[in-house]
Amino acid sequence: MKLVLTTSFQKIVKKRCQKNPALRQVIEKQLQYFSKNPYHPSLKTHKLVGKRSNQFSVRITGDLRALCVVDGNTYIFFDLITHDKY
């Protein structure tokens, strides 16, 4: 399995971490869990429905989700949003 963090994802993480520096460690920890087991219980990974039916949501914190798409064996993380945005 390969994880790819898009430039836009990295920019969003950087912006959010300026406001909350401790968030970077949480994001890194959750992505490490994801790389070992995409369905680790703390991630609450699930496929979205509707217009986002090709995307997956991965829990970072209580209200923060990382969105990714799957291309073969590659998971491409492209957005970091709050739960109510999707």
PDB file of N, CA and C in Angstrom:
ATOM      1  N   MET A   1       0.849  -1.172   0.000  1.00  0.00           N
ATOM      2  CA  MET A   1       0.000   0.000   0.000  1.00  0.00           C
ATOM      3  C   MET A   1       0.895   1.235   0.000  1.00  0.00           C
ATOM      4  N   LYS A   2       0.478   2.211  -0.787  1.00  0.00           N
ATOM      5  CA  LYS A   2       1.218   3.460  -0.888  1.00  0.00           C
ATOM      6  C   LYS A   2       0.283   4.619  -0.544  1.00  0.00           C
ATOM      7  N   LEU A   3       0.763   5.545   0.288  1.00  0.00           N
ATOM      8  CA  LEU A   3       0.005   6.753   0.624  1.00  0.00           C
ATOM      9  C   LEU A   3       0.595   7.933  -0.135  1.00  0.00           C
ATOM     10  N   VAL A   4      -0.272   8.719  -0.747  1.00  0.00           N
ATOM     11  CA  VAL A   4       0.146   9.929  -1.432  1.00  0.00           C
ATOM     12  C   VAL A   4      -0.603  11.094  -0.816  1.00  0.00           C
ATOM     13  N   LEU A   5       0.140  12.106  -0.394  1.00  0.00           N
ATOM     14  CA  LEU A   5      -0.463  13.325   0.152  1.00  0.00           C
ATOM     15  C   LEU A   5      -0.320  14.403  -0.903  1.00  0.00           C
ATOM     16  N   THR A   6      -1.437  14.830  -1.482  1.00  0.00           N
ATOM     17  CA  THR A   6      -1.372  15.840  -2.535  1.00  0.00           C
ATOM     18  C   THR A   6      -0.874  17.166  -1.975  1.00  0.00           C
ATOM     19  N   THR A   7      -0.445  18.026  -2.865  1.00  0.00           N
ATOM     20  CA  THR A   7       0.029  19.353  -2.467  1.00  0.00           C
ATOM     21  C   THR A   7      -1.074  20.119  -1.758  1.00  0.00           C
ATOM     22  N   SER A   8      -2.295  20.031  -2.257  1.00  0.00           N
ATOM     23  CA  SER A   8      -3.404  20.745  -1.617  1.00  0.00           C
ATOM     24  C   SER A   8      -3.660  20.201  -0.213  1.00  0.00           C
ATOM     25  N   PHE A   9      -3.559  18.879  -0.027  1.00  0.00           N
ATOM     26  CA  PHE A   9      -3.723  18.283   1.298  1.00  0.00           C
ATOM     27  C   PHE A   9      -2.651  18.816   2.245  1.00  0.00           C
ATOM     28  N   GLN A  10      -1.411  18.856   1.791  1.00  0.00           N
ATOM     29  CA  GLN A  10      -0.308  19.343   2.621  1.00  0.00           C
ATOM     30  C   GLN A  10      -0.492  20.813   3.001  1.00  0.00           C
ATOM     31  N   LYS A  11      -1.009  21.622   2.075  1.00  0.00           N
ATOM     32  CA  LYS A  11      -1.258  23.039   2.360  1.00  0.00           C
ATOM     33  C   LYS A  11      -2.349  23.202   3.414  1.00  0.00           C
ATOM     34  N   ILE A  12      -3.398  22.399   3.295  1.00  0.00           N
ATOM     35  CA  ILE A  12      -4.499  22.465   4.259  1.00  0.00           C
ATOM     36  C   ILE A  12      -3.993  22.060   5.643  1.00  0.00           C
ATOM     37  N   VAL A  13      -3.195  21.007   5.708  1.00  0.00           N
ATOM     38  CA  VAL A  13      -2.635  20.549   6.985  1.00  0.00           C
ATOM     39  C   VAL A  13      -1.772  21.658   7.584  1.00  0.00           C
ATOM     40  N   LYS A  14      -0.932  22.251   6.772  1.00  0.00           N
ATOM     41  CA  LYS A  14      -0.050  23.324   7.255  1.00  0.00           C
ATOM     42  C   LYS A  14      -0.866  24.490   7.818  1.00  0.00           C
ATOM     43  N   LYS A  15      -1.913  24.867   7.115  1.00  0.00           N
ATOM     44  CA  LYS A  15      -2.750  25.988   7.555  1.00  0.00           C
ATOM     45  C   LYS A  15      -3.449  25.660   8.878  1.00  0.00           C
ATOM     46  N   ARG A  16      -4.017  24.458   8.973  1.00  0.00           N
ATOM     47  CA  ARG A  16      -4.718  24.067  10.208  1.00  0.00           C
ATOM     48  C   ARG A  16      -3.747  23.930  11.374  1.00  0.00           C
ATOM     49  N   CYS A  17      -2.531  23.484  11.099  1.00  0.00           N
ATOM     50  CA  CYS A  17      -1.547  23.283  12.170  1.00  0.00           C
ATOM     51  C   CYS A  17      -0.947  24.598  12.664  1.00  0.00           C
ATOM     52  N   GLN A  18      -1.065  25.656  11.887  1.00  0.00           N
ATOM     53  CA  GLN A  18      -0.623  26.965  12.369  1.00  0.00           C
ATOM     54  C   GLN A  18      -1.498  27.409  13.527  1.00  0.00           C
ATOM     55  N   LYS A  19      -2.778  27.090  13.440  1.00  0.00           N
ATOM     56  CA  LYS A  19      -3.728  27.444  14.493  1.00  0.00           C
ATOM     57  C   LYS A  19      -3.642  26.485  15.671  1.00  0.00           C
ATOM     58  N   ASN A  20      -3.284  25.232  15.389  1.00  0.00           N
ATOM     59  CA  ASN A  20      -3.245  24.188  16.417  1.00  0.00           C
ATOM     60  C   ASN A  20      -2.036  23.286  16.159  1.00  0.00           C
ATOM     61  N   PRO A  21      -0.848  23.657  16.652  1.00  0.00           N
ATOM     62  CA  PRO A  21       0.372  22.889  16.367  1.00  0.00           C
ATOM     63  C   PRO A  21       0.313  21.420  16.791  1.00  0.00           C
ATOM     64  N   ALA A  22      -0.421  21.093  17.817  1.00  0.00           N
ATOM     65  CA  ALA A  22      -0.515  19.699  18.277  1.00  0.00           C
ATOM     66  C   ALA A  22      -1.254  18.813  17.268  1.00  0.00           C
ATOM     67  N   LEU A  23      -2.006  19.419  16.385  1.00  0.00           N
ATOM     68  CA  LEU A  23      -2.773  18.669  15.396  1.00  0.00           C
ATOM     69  C   LEU A  23      -1.868  17.885  14.452  1.00  0.00           C
ATOM     70  N   ARG A  24      -0.688  18.396  14.161  1.00  0.00           N
ATOM     71  CA  ARG A  24       0.234  17.712  13.240  1.00  0.00           C
ATOM     72  C   ARG A  24       0.556  16.296  13.744  1.00  0.00           C
ATOM     73  N   GLN A  25       0.811  16.166  15.043  1.00  0.00           N
ATOM     74  CA  GLN A  25       1.118  14.845  15.602  1.00  0.00           C
ATOM     75  C   GLN A  25      -0.068  13.900  15.493  1.00  0.00           C
ATOM     76  N   VAL A  26      -1.259  14.424  15.695  1.00  0.00           N
ATOM     77  CA  VAL A  26      -2.471  13.601  15.589  1.00  0.00           C
ATOM     78  C   VAL A  26      -2.648  13.117  14.153  1.00  0.00           C
ATOM     79  N   ILE A  27      -2.462  14.008  13.198  1.00  0.00           N
ATOM     80  CA  ILE A  27      -2.600  13.636  11.781  1.00  0.00           C
ATOM     81  C   ILE A  27      -1.567  12.578  11.421  1.00  0.00           C
ATOM     82  N   GLU A  28      -0.319  12.785  11.817  1.00  0.00           N
ATOM     83  CA  GLU A  28       0.739  11.815  11.516  1.00  0.00           C
ATOM     84  C   GLU A  28       0.440  10.458  12.137  1.00  0.00           C
ATOM     85  N   LYS A  29      -0.048  10.450  13.377  1.00  0.00           N
ATOM     86  CA  LYS A  29      -0.380   9.197  14.061  1.00  0.00           C
ATOM     87  C   LYS A  29      -1.498   8.460  13.315  1.00  0.00           C
ATOM     88  N   GLN A  30      -2.540   9.179  12.940  1.00  0.00           N
ATOM     89  CA  GLN A  30      -3.664   8.547  12.251  1.00  0.00           C
ATOM     90  C   GLN A  30      -3.245   8.024  10.877  1.00  0.00           C
ATOM     91  N   LEU A  31      -2.381   8.754  10.173  1.00  0.00           N
ATOM     92  CA  LEU A  31      -1.907   8.279   8.870  1.00  0.00           C
ATOM     93  C   LEU A  31      -1.002   7.056   9.033  1.00  0.00           C
ATOM     94  N   GLN A  32      -0.257   6.983  10.125  1.00  0.00           N
ATOM     95  CA  GLN A  32       0.546   5.782  10.394  1.00  0.00           C
ATOM     96  C   GLN A  32      -0.365   4.576  10.645  1.00  0.00           C
ATOM     97  N   TYR A  33      -1.415   4.780  11.438  1.00  0.00           N
ATOM     98  CA  TYR A  33      -2.389   3.708  11.648  1.00  0.00           C
ATOM     99  C   TYR A  33      -2.964   3.264  10.303  1.00  0.00           C
ATOM    100  N   PHE A  34      -3.308   4.249   9.466  1.00  0.00           N
ATOM    101  CA  PHE A  34      -3.913   3.956   8.173  1.00  0.00           C
ATOM    102  C   PHE A  34      -2.960   3.132   7.303  1.00  0.00           C
ATOM    103  N   SER A  35      -1.671   3.480   7.312  1.00  0.00           N
ATOM    104  CA  SER A  35      -0.716   2.753   6.468  1.00  0.00           C
ATOM    105  C   SER A  35      -0.555   1.299   6.905  1.00  0.00           C
ATOM    106  N   LYS A  36      -0.761   1.026   8.198  1.00  0.00           N
ATOM    107  CA  LYS A  36      -0.656  -0.348   8.706  1.00  0.00           C
ATOM    108  C   LYS A  36      -1.967  -1.115   8.547  1.00  0.00           C
ATOM    109  N   ASN A  37      -3.083  -0.411   8.749  1.00  0.00           N
ATOM    110  CA  ASN A  37      -4.402  -1.036   8.663  1.00  0.00           C
ATOM    111  C   ASN A  37      -5.432   0.046   8.333  1.00  0.00           C
ATOM    112  N   PRO A  38      -5.850   0.155   7.062  1.00  0.00           N
ATOM    113  CA  PRO A  38      -6.799   1.209   6.677  1.00  0.00           C
ATOM    114  C   PRO A  38      -8.118   1.171   7.444  1.00  0.00           C
ATOM    115  N   TYR A  39      -8.432   0.036   8.049  1.00  0.00           N
ATOM    116  CA  TYR A  39      -9.692  -0.071   8.778  1.00  0.00           C
ATOM    117  C   TYR A  39      -9.461  -0.210  10.288  1.00  0.00           C
ATOM    118  N   HIS A  40      -8.391   0.400  10.777  1.00  0.00           N
ATOM    119  CA  HIS A  40      -8.122   0.434  12.222  1.00  0.00           C
ATOM    120  C   HIS A  40      -9.343   1.066  12.898  1.00  0.00           C
ATOM    121  N   PRO A  41      -9.782   0.542  14.025  1.00  0.00           N
ATOM    122  CA  PRO A  41     -11.000   1.047  14.673  1.00  0.00           C
ATOM    123  C   PRO A  41     -11.002   2.546  14.977  1.00  0.00           C
ATOM    124  N   SER A  42      -9.862   3.122  15.310  1.00  0.00           N
ATOM    125  CA  SER A  42      -9.842   4.553  15.643  1.00  0.00           C
ATOM    126  C   SER A  42     -10.022   5.440  14.415  1.00  0.00           C
ATOM    127  N   LEU A  43      -9.854   4.882  13.219  1.00  0.00           N
ATOM    128  CA  LEU A  43      -9.960   5.678  11.989  1.00  0.00           C
ATOM    129  C   LEU A  43     -11.400   5.818  11.499  1.00  0.00           C
ATOM    130  N   LYS A  44     -12.220   4.849  11.820  1.00  0.00           N
ATOM    131  CA  LYS A  44     -13.613   4.827  11.349  1.00  0.00           C
ATOM    132  C   LYS A  44     -13.696   5.072   9.838  1.00  0.00           C
ATOM    133  N   THR A  45     -12.821   4.415   9.102  1.00  0.00           N
ATOM    134  CA  THR A  45     -12.763   4.556   7.644  1.00  0.00           C
ATOM    135  C   THR A  45     -14.051   4.036   7.026  1.00  0.00           C
ATOM    136  N   HIS A  46     -14.605   4.823   6.113  1.00  0.00           N
ATOM    137  CA  HIS A  46     -15.791   4.366   5.398  1.00  0.00           C
ATOM    138  C   HIS A  46     -15.893   5.048   4.039  1.00  0.00           C
ATOM    139  N   LYS A  47     -16.551   4.359   3.139  1.00  0.00           N
ATOM    140  CA  LYS A  47     -16.787   4.875   1.792  1.00  0.00           C
ATOM    141  C   LYS A  47     -17.953   5.854   1.848  1.00  0.00           C
ATOM    142  N   LEU A  48     -17.812   6.962   1.145  1.00  0.00           N
ATOM    143  CA  LEU A  48     -18.879   7.957   1.130  1.00  0.00           C
ATOM    144  C   LEU A  48     -19.929   7.588   0.083  1.00  0.00           C
ATOM    145  N   VAL A  49     -21.039   8.290   0.114  1.00  0.00           N
ATOM    146  CA  VAL A  49     -22.145   8.017  -0.812  1.00  0.00           C
ATOM    147  C   VAL A  49     -22.480   9.277  -1.599  1.00  0.00           C
ATOM    148  N   GLY A  50     -23.355   9.130  -2.565  1.00  0.00           N
ATOM    149  CA  GLY A  50     -23.794  10.267  -3.356  1.00  0.00           C
ATOM    150  C   GLY A  50     -22.722  10.754  -4.309  1.00  0.00           C
ATOM    151  N   LYS A  51     -22.584  12.067  -4.416  1.00  0.00           N
ATOM    152  CA  LYS A  51     -21.614  12.630  -5.364  1.00  0.00           C
ATOM    153  C   LYS A  51     -20.168  12.355  -4.957  1.00  0.00           C
ATOM    154  N   ARG A  52     -19.941  11.885  -3.735  1.00  0.00           N
ATOM    155  CA  ARG A  52     -18.598  11.542  -3.271  1.00  0.00           C
ATOM    156  C   ARG A  52     -18.422  10.020  -3.161  1.00  0.00           C
ATOM    157  N   SER A  53     -19.156   9.260  -3.963  1.00  0.00           N
ATOM    158  CA  SER A  53     -19.171   7.800  -3.822  1.00  0.00           C
ATOM    159  C   SER A  53     -17.844   7.127  -4.172  1.00  0.00           C
ATOM    160  N   ASN A  54     -16.918   7.842  -4.792  1.00  0.00           N
ATOM    161  CA  ASN A  54     -15.610   7.263  -5.098  1.00  0.00           C
ATOM    162  C   ASN A  54     -14.564   7.642  -4.043  1.00  0.00           C
ATOM    163  N   GLN A  55     -14.993   8.273  -2.951  1.00  0.00           N
ATOM    164  CA  GLN A  55     -14.083   8.758  -1.924  1.00  0.00           C
ATOM    165  C   GLN A  55     -14.283   8.007  -0.609  1.00  0.00           C
ATOM    166  N   PHE A  56     -13.223   8.048   0.200  1.00  0.00           N
ATOM    167  CA  PHE A  56     -13.259   7.462   1.534  1.00  0.00           C
ATOM    168  C   PHE A  56     -12.995   8.546   2.560  1.00  0.00           C
ATOM    169  N   SER A  57     -13.600   8.409   3.727  1.00  0.00           N
ATOM    170  CA  SER A  57     -13.399   9.323   4.841  1.00  0.00           C
ATOM    171  C   SER A  57     -12.620   8.598   5.931  1.00  0.00           C
ATOM    172  N   VAL A  58     -11.605   9.290   6.484  1.00  0.00           N
ATOM    173  CA  VAL A  58     -10.779   8.740   7.543  1.00  0.00           C
ATOM    174  C   VAL A  58     -10.809   9.728   8.712  1.00  0.00           C
ATOM    175  N   ARG A  59     -11.182   9.248   9.881  1.00  0.00           N
ATOM    176  CA  ARG A  59     -11.287  10.120  11.054  1.00  0.00           C
ATOM    177  C   ARG A  59      -9.901  10.517  11.541  1.00  0.00           C
ATOM    178  N   ILE A  60      -9.712  11.830  11.734  1.00  0.00           N
ATOM    179  CA  ILE A  60      -8.474  12.348  12.312  1.00  0.00           C
ATOM    180  C   ILE A  60      -8.731  12.724  13.769  1.00  0.00           C
ATOM    181  N   THR A  61      -9.712  13.582  14.002  1.00  0.00           N
ATOM    182  CA  THR A  61     -10.155  13.925  15.354  1.00  0.00           C
ATOM    183  C   THR A  61     -11.666  13.789  15.380  1.00  0.00           C
ATOM    184  N   GLY A  62     -12.276  14.153  16.484  1.00  0.00           N
ATOM    185  CA  GLY A  62     -13.718  14.026  16.625  1.00  0.00           C
ATOM    186  C   GLY A  62     -14.508  14.591  15.460  1.00  0.00           C
ATOM    187  N   ASP A  63     -14.098  15.740  14.944  1.00  0.00           N
ATOM    188  CA  ASP A  63     -14.850  16.390  13.878  1.00  0.00           C
ATOM    189  C   ASP A  63     -14.052  16.546  12.580  1.00  0.00           C
ATOM    190  N   LEU A  64     -12.795  16.169  12.557  1.00  0.00           N
ATOM    191  CA  LEU A  64     -11.929  16.384  11.396  1.00  0.00           C
ATOM    192  C   LEU A  64     -11.735  15.082  10.623  1.00  0.00           C
ATOM    193  N   ARG A  65     -11.934  15.150   9.307  1.00  0.00           N
ATOM    194  CA  ARG A  65     -11.818  13.977   8.443  1.00  0.00           C
ATOM    195  C   ARG A  65     -10.836  14.237   7.311  1.00  0.00           C
ATOM    196  N   ALA A  66     -10.053  13.226   6.973  1.00  0.00           N
ATOM    197  CA  ALA A  66      -9.195  13.258   5.796  1.00  0.00           C
ATOM    198  C   ALA A  66      -9.920  12.488   4.705  1.00  0.00           C
ATOM    199  N   LEU A  67      -9.955  13.052   3.507  1.00  0.00           N
ATOM    200  CA  LEU A  67     -10.613  12.385   2.388  1.00  0.00           C
ATOM    201  C   LEU A  67      -9.557  11.834   1.443  1.00  0.00           C
ATOM    202  N   CYS A  68      -9.833  10.643   0.918  1.00  0.00           N
ATOM    203  CA  CYS A  68      -8.906  10.039  -0.032  1.00  0.00           C
ATOM    204  C   CYS A  68      -9.676   9.273  -1.099  1.00  0.00           C
ATOM    205  N   VAL A  69      -8.974   9.005  -2.175  1.00  0.00           N
ATOM    206  CA  VAL A  69      -9.479   8.137  -3.235  1.00  0.00           C
ATOM    207  C   VAL A  69      -8.477   7.000  -3.393  1.00  0.00           C
ATOM    208  N   VAL A  70      -8.936   5.895  -3.929  1.00  0.00           N
ATOM    209  CA  VAL A  70      -8.095   4.727  -4.107  1.00  0.00           C
ATOM    210  C   VAL A  70      -7.843   4.525  -5.590  1.00  0.00           C
ATOM    211  N   ASP A  71      -6.566   4.328  -5.920  1.00  0.00           N
ATOM    212  CA  ASP A  71      -6.177   4.026  -7.298  1.00  0.00           C
ATOM    213  C   ASP A  71      -5.283   2.789  -7.241  1.00  0.00           C
ATOM    214  N   GLY A  72      -5.885   1.631  -7.434  1.00  0.00           N
ATOM    215  CA  GLY A  72      -5.141   0.382  -7.305  1.00  0.00           C
ATOM    216  C   GLY A  72      -4.736   0.163  -5.856  1.00  0.00           C
ATOM    217  N   ASN A  73      -3.431   0.177  -5.614  1.00  0.00           N
ATOM    218  CA  ASN A  73      -2.901  -0.013  -4.267  1.00  0.00           C
ATOM    219  C   ASN A  73      -2.412   1.313  -3.673  1.00  0.00           C
ATOM    220  N   THR A  74      -2.829   2.424  -4.270  1.00  0.00           N
ATOM    221  CA  THR A  74      -2.408   3.750  -3.829  1.00  0.00           C
ATOM    222  C   THR A  74      -3.598   4.514  -3.261  1.00  0.00           C
ATOM    223  N   TYR A  75      -3.408   5.073  -2.069  1.00  0.00           N
ATOM    224  CA  TYR A  75      -4.427   5.900  -1.430  1.00  0.00           C
ATOM    225  C   TYR A  75      -3.974   7.347  -1.541  1.00  0.00           C
ATOM    226  N   ILE A  76      -4.780   8.162  -2.191  1.00  0.00           N
ATOM    227  CA  ILE A  76      -4.429   9.554  -2.461  1.00  0.00           C
ATOM    228  C   ILE A  76      -5.267  10.458  -1.561  1.00  0.00           C
ATOM    229  N   PHE A  77      -4.607  11.088  -0.590  1.00  0.00           N
ATOM    230  CA  PHE A  77      -5.277  12.003   0.331  1.00  0.00           C
ATOM    231  C   PHE A  77      -5.265  13.393  -0.294  1.00  0.00           C
ATOM    232  N   PHE A  78      -6.464  13.989  -0.401  1.00  0.00           N
ATOM    233  CA  PHE A  78      -6.568  15.256  -1.111  1.00  0.00           C
ATOM    234  C   PHE A  78      -7.264  16.372  -0.333  1.00  0.00           C
ATOM    235  N   ASP A  79      -7.938  16.051   0.762  1.00  0.00           N
ATOM    236  CA  ASP A  79      -8.654  17.107   1.498  1.00  0.00           C
ATOM    237  C   ASP A  79      -8.740  16.754   2.976  1.00  0.00           C
ATOM    238  N   LEU A  80      -8.841  17.804   3.780  1.00  0.00           N
ATOM    239  CA  LEU A  80      -8.985  17.672   5.230  1.00  0.00           C
ATOM    240  C   LEU A  80     -10.123  18.609   5.614  1.00  0.00           C
ATOM    241  N   ILE A  81     -11.268  18.034   5.983  1.00  0.00           N
ATOM    242  CA  ILE A  81     -12.465  18.840   6.223  1.00  0.00           C
ATOM    243  C   ILE A  81     -13.132  18.436   7.531  1.00  0.00           C
ATOM    244  N   THR A  82     -14.034  19.289   7.978  1.00  0.00           N
ATOM    245  CA  THR A  82     -14.815  18.935   9.144  1.00  0.00           C
ATOM    246  C   THR A  82     -15.942  18.002   8.714  1.00  0.00           C
ATOM    247  N   HIS A  83     -16.463  17.258   9.652  1.00  0.00           N
ATOM    248  CA  HIS A  83     -17.464  16.238   9.367  1.00  0.00           C
ATOM    249  C   HIS A  83     -18.689  16.817   8.665  1.00  0.00           C
ATOM    250  N   ASP A  84     -19.121  18.001   9.031  1.00  0.00           N
ATOM    251  CA  ASP A  84     -20.333  18.573   8.440  1.00  0.00           C
ATOM    252  C   ASP A  84     -20.140  19.078   7.015  1.00  0.00           C
ATOM    253  N   LYS A  85     -18.930  19.129   6.498  1.00  0.00           N
ATOM    254  CA  LYS A  85     -18.668  19.609   5.133  1.00  0.00           C
ATOM    255  C   LYS A  85     -18.954  18.561   4.064  1.00  0.00           C
ATOM    256  N   TYR A  86     -19.056  17.306   4.452  1.00  0.00           N
ATOM    257  CA  TYR A  86     -19.342  16.293   3.437  1.00  0.00           C
ATOM    258  C   TYR A  86     -20.666  15.673   3.729  1.00  0.00           C
TER     259      TYR A  86
END
